[in-house]
Amino acid sequence: MTSLHALFSLLYSISVLTLTDSSLSSITTEAPPAASKCTLLNSFQPGFVVQGDYVIGGIFPLHFNLKKPDLNSTYRPPPIDCNGHRLYPRAFRWAQTMRLAVEEINQNPVLLPNHTLGYTIFDSCGYPLTGQRAVLSMLNGVSEENSSMCTNASSLLAVIGASGSAQSIVLSRILQPFRIPMISYSSSCTCLSDRQKYPTFFRVIPSDDFQVKAIARMLVHFNWTWVGLLRGDNDYGRFAAKGLLKELQETKVCVAYQEMIPLPYTHQGGLRIMKVMHSSTAKVVVVFAGEGEMTTFLRDYMTQNITGIQWVGSEAFISVSAFSEREYYPYLGGTIGFGTRKGHISRLGDFLQTVNPKRYPDNVLVHELWESLYGCSPFPSSVTQMPPCSGQETLLEQHSAYMNTSSPRVTYNVYKAVYAIAHSLHNLLLCQPGRGPFQNKSCAQSNNIHPWQLQHYLQEVNFQIAGCWRGAVDPGGQDNVPVSVCSASCLPGFRKAVRRGEPICCFDCIPCDSGKISNQTTLVTPVAVANRFHSNQCEHSHRLRCGADQQRPSWFLIAGVLGVDGVQRGTEEAEKGKKRGIKEAKCRYKWCIEEHFTTNDSKNMWQGIKNITGYLAKSNSAAPGPMDISLPDTLNQFFARFDK
């Protein structure tokens, strides 16, 4: 706790200096009197603790939807309570994976022989401030009142965590002054790749930079040129959305809207987003949000009866097994995205089965696991208000949120992170004096290892573990690919005219100018052609406009097969076909004549008048006669034929 008091004093001194150097000279602040004794205001206990020669920390979001404390600075905030909400079984599996990995390493006669790993596992509640409290508790030791950190090197060598990028940013900045390395299993924000800002941060998950490029290519592949973008209100969502927009600049994909899930989530804020989604013509929505944000959002979404959306999810959304359950299928069925590489952990399923209230009667988290999976309490009380159960119930595959070990992804990342630390520590202990990487070619002392010494080896570690996944992905085929465009492609004979003030994906289709041809879809500028092609192009264009391209059966031929009744019906259809043909011929002739008047070309206009009036060229020697005064009446009569 002494370290916390020193850190607070440092921050307090900085704030005083800032005020004294400012123009507000009238404000004076006196330093608080030195405390006669360091007193711990409240305790923040770990979920699991195992002693060892070398201790590492683990931070997992064992609870979600933490009630945010009131930080208005007018009174002391109440203690943070993670246990006020139901346990998150998926993250509990991650924590058990860390325990399993440490157990395997301690039983391995080759890796770290004659040494053991210990751990302290804390709950971050999926909230940066709670994660901050957890890290400070790790630094102070299991017994914070009697911590000796200020006299010796920290017993904490490294930290596994955190889950979200926003949490990792906060925790990495806290650990950085102590030069303690941190390995995240699911923080993928591109911002964390900045080694100047986060020199002690590592991760076993690819940066979002790769995922964003892949999603952009997917949108182009399926010709989804009109998409919505939904993101969380955090650094992960902010940087991922920014990266996608940058990737889409060189493509034909446009973003119809960009919405942010409010934090903390509000019902009104969610409904406002859903109204935008419902009114938009974009049928594809790209999501950069985690399970915490999407769970609350989808609860409201499913009550609005919004269907027909093709979801494209990032790893944080697509890999959540809970969203593949039956209640979500009508709304999320067909969702696609990219997941991290999966692996195989042979002992994980059996290890998870050993965690039960009978074996851990004093562990509150294990009790909450049973309450979450079975809806009963092995130790019922007036607080839980749940029916009792034995605590020895069998964990089944139906408890997929906890027992799903078929394709571990984030779980496998946790497993790799622990082994990365173990192999780095193993290499450090193999150092030979006089050939070490530190000052004067020295090595680290095995009984007094500093975290920054471990980080040196962590930066160069290269290892293999069982369960490495290798293989190829079969993309397969996909039928009935959804269409999501602002404007359909223009047919041959038409050109694209961009709408003023709207994205380039939104346009109108207008006929090509006279003397121009468009023989491909969505052409902006048709090409000029020779006069001999005009009639053919006009013929093709009028068929597109008048709907004459559909192939219709010959009812005369069909009548011979259908018998007498069929002949009668065939005759009727033939009569209809004749009328339809006359109508299309009129439409064709009218459109071809009008085409001469769509430009300001006087030559084409004169040609149109000659076509209408049946003008015959006179001999050059003949003197021009007076203008026929009946010409306007003739034109009116001509066009009146097509208005009937």
Foldseek 3Di string as FASTA:
>chain_A
DVVVVVVVQVVVVVVQVVCCPDPPVVDHDDDDDDDPADDDPDDFAFQDKDDWLAEAEEEEQQAEDFDDWDDPVPDDIDDGDRPPGFTQQLRVLLVLLLVVLQVVQQVDCPFPHPTHYIYTYHHQNPDQVSLQVVLVCQQCPNPNRPRPCVPAFGSHQEYEDDAEQQNCLSSQVVCVVQLHAYEYLHHAAPVCVPCVSRVRYHYPFHHLLVQLLVVLVVCVVLVQQEEEEEEEPGRQRVRNVVSNVVNCPPDNHDYPYYYYQDVVHDLVSLVVVVVVVQPDLFQEYEYRYAPNSVVVSVVSVLVVPDASHAYEYEQRPPVQPVCVDDVNCRHHPNHYGDHAQWWADPCSLVSLQVQWCVVVVPRPSRQSVCCVQPVEGCDDDPVSPTHHDPRNDGDDCVSVSNNVRPTDGSSVRSSVVSVLLSQLLSVLVVQDACCDPDPNNGGADSSRGRSNNSSVSSVVDDDDDHGDDDDDDDPDDDPPSDHGFQDDWAAWQWEWAADPPDDRRHTDTDGAAQQFTGHDIHHHHTHGDDPVCRVVSLVVNLCVVLVVPDDDDQQVVVLVVPPDVSVVVSVVVVVVVVVSVVLSVLSSVVVSLCSLVPDPPVVSVVVSLCVQVVDDDDDPPDDDDDDDPCSVVSVVVSVVVNVD
